[in-house]
């Protein structure tokens, strides 16, 4: 084995490994879309509270969940989002959206 190959082979493998990591990173557009969905959830909770579709307590609980989601998004997005983090955030967005829908349709205005 030549000395050139001994030097180039590890560099080649390292560049391939870094390329795989970069391919898993989310685009800034996806991160912005998730940020916008989270902001939309917060506005929806406030709007439903203001219109009387949910109680103030229910809306406050949903806004707390949204605030936790915003914190998690900031933590994840600090170094860029990977596929697992995107899936986690999207799952939580769906859960909060479903929670808001159920609270709005429930009509009992009680949390839980």
Protein backbone atom coordinates (compact mmCIF):
# COMPACT_ATOMS: atom_id res chain seq x y z
CA UNK A 1 0.00 0.00 0.00
CA UNK A 2 1.48 3.34 -1.00
CA UNK A 3 1.95 6.14 1.49
CA UNK A 4 -0.30 8.39 -0.60
CA UNK A 5 -3.19 5.94 -0.30
CA UNK A 6 -2.68 5.72 3.48
CA UNK A 7 -3.10 9.49 3.67
CA UNK A 8 -5.95 9.92 1.16
CA UNK A 9 -8.15 6.99 2.25
CA UNK A 10 -8.94 8.35 5.75
CA UNK A 11 -9.58 11.81 4.32
CA UNK A 12 -11.94 10.32 1.74
CA UNK A 13 -13.87 8.37 4.38
CA UNK A 14 -14.11 11.46 6.60
CA UNK A 15 -15.50 13.57 3.77
CA UNK A 16 -18.07 10.88 2.95
CA UNK A 17 -19.14 10.75 6.60
CA UNK A 18 -19.52 14.53 6.77
CA UNK A 19 -21.52 14.51 3.56
CA UNK A 20 -23.99 12.08 5.14
CA UNK A 21 -24.45 14.34 8.15
CA UNK A 22 -25.03 17.36 5.96
CA UNK A 23 -27.64 15.47 3.96
CA UNK A 24 -29.62 14.83 7.15
CA UNK A 25 -29.67 18.48 8.18
CA UNK A 26 -32.86 20.38 7.49
CA UNK A 27 -33.00 23.32 5.18
CA UNK A 28 -33.52 26.76 6.70
CA UNK A 29 -36.88 26.87 4.89
CA UNK A 30 -38.10 23.83 6.86
CA UNK A 31 -36.96 25.39 10.14
CA UNK A 32 -38.79 28.61 9.22
CA UNK A 33 -41.93 26.63 8.37
CA UNK A 34 -41.85 24.87 11.75
CA UNK A 35 -41.29 28.22 13.50
CA UNK A 36 -44.32 29.63 11.65
CA UNK A 37 -46.49 26.63 12.59
CA UNK A 38 -45.60 27.10 16.26
CA UNK A 39 -46.46 30.81 16.08
CA UNK A 40 -49.75 29.91 14.37
CA UNK A 41 -50.62 27.54 17.23
CA UNK A 42 -50.00 30.31 19.76
CA UNK A 43 -52.22 32.72 17.82
CA UNK A 44 -54.94 30.06 17.47
CA UNK A 45 -54.98 29.47 21.24
CA UNK A 46 -55.28 33.21 21.90
CA UNK A 47 -57.93 33.66 19.21
CA UNK A 48 -60.05 30.79 20.53
CA UNK A 49 -59.76 32.17 24.05
CA UNK A 50 -60.75 35.65 22.90
CA UNK A 51 -63.74 34.31 20.96
CA UNK A 52 -64.87 32.18 23.88
CA UNK A 53 -64.44 28.84 22.09
CA UNK A 54 -62.20 27.60 24.91
CA UNK A 55 -61.89 28.74 28.49
CA UNK A 56 -59.05 30.98 29.61
CA UNK A 57 -57.63 28.06 31.60
CA UNK A 58 -57.67 25.76 28.56
CA UNK A 59 -56.07 28.44 26.38
CA UNK A 60 -53.40 29.12 29.01
CA UNK A 61 -52.55 25.42 29.20
CA UNK A 62 -52.25 25.22 25.42
CA UNK A 63 -50.08 28.34 25.35
CA UNK A 64 -47.82 26.74 27.99
CA UNK A 65 -47.48 23.68 25.76
CA UNK A 66 -46.67 25.96 22.82
CA UNK A 67 -44.05 27.80 24.92
CA UNK A 68 -42.40 24.46 25.77
CA UNK A 69 -42.46 23.58 22.09
CA UNK A 70 -40.84 26.92 21.20
CA UNK A 71 -38.08 26.24 23.72
CA UNK A 72 -37.53 22.76 22.33
CA UNK A 73 -37.42 24.19 18.79
CA UNK A 74 -34.78 26.75 19.80
CA UNK A 75 -32.69 24.04 21.47
CA UNK A 76 -32.91 21.75 18.44
CA UNK A 77 -32.38 24.52 15.90
CA UNK A 78 -29.24 25.82 17.57
CA UNK A 79 -27.09 23.45 15.48
CA UNK A 80 -29.59 22.83 12.70
CA UNK A 81 -32.44 20.36 12.69
CA UNK A 82 -31.94 16.72 11.79
CA UNK A 83 -34.66 14.32 10.62
CA UNK A 84 -35.38 12.96 14.10
CA UNK A 85 -35.76 16.45 15.57
CA UNK A 86 -38.05 17.51 12.72
CA UNK A 87 -40.21 14.43 13.30
CA UNK A 88 -40.37 15.15 17.04
CA UNK A 89 -41.34 18.78 16.51
CA UNK A 90 -43.95 17.92 13.88
CA UNK A 91 -45.42 15.27 16.17
CA UNK A 92 -45.73 17.77 19.03
CA UNK A 93 -47.28 20.35 16.69
CA UNK A 94 -49.91 17.78 15.64
CA UNK A 95 -50.56 16.85 19.27
CA UNK A 96 -51.09 20.47 20.33
CA UNK A 97 -53.26 21.15 17.28
CA UNK A 98 -55.37 18.08 18.16
CA UNK A 99 -55.55 19.19 21.80
CA UNK A 100 -56.80 22.62 20.73
CA UNK A 101 -59.35 21.02 18.43
CA UNK A 102 -60.59 18.68 21.19
CA UNK A 103 -60.81 21.51 23.73
CA UNK A 104 -62.72 23.63 21.26
CA UNK A 105 -65.14 20.82 20.38
CA UNK A 106 -65.49 19.59 23.96
CA UNK A 107 -67.66 22.44 25.13
CA UNK A 108 -67.09 21.68 28.80
CA UNK A 109 -64.36 24.33 29.19
CA UNK A 110 -62.43 22.18 31.62
CA UNK A 111 -58.81 21.12 31.17
CA UNK A 112 -58.15 17.39 31.04
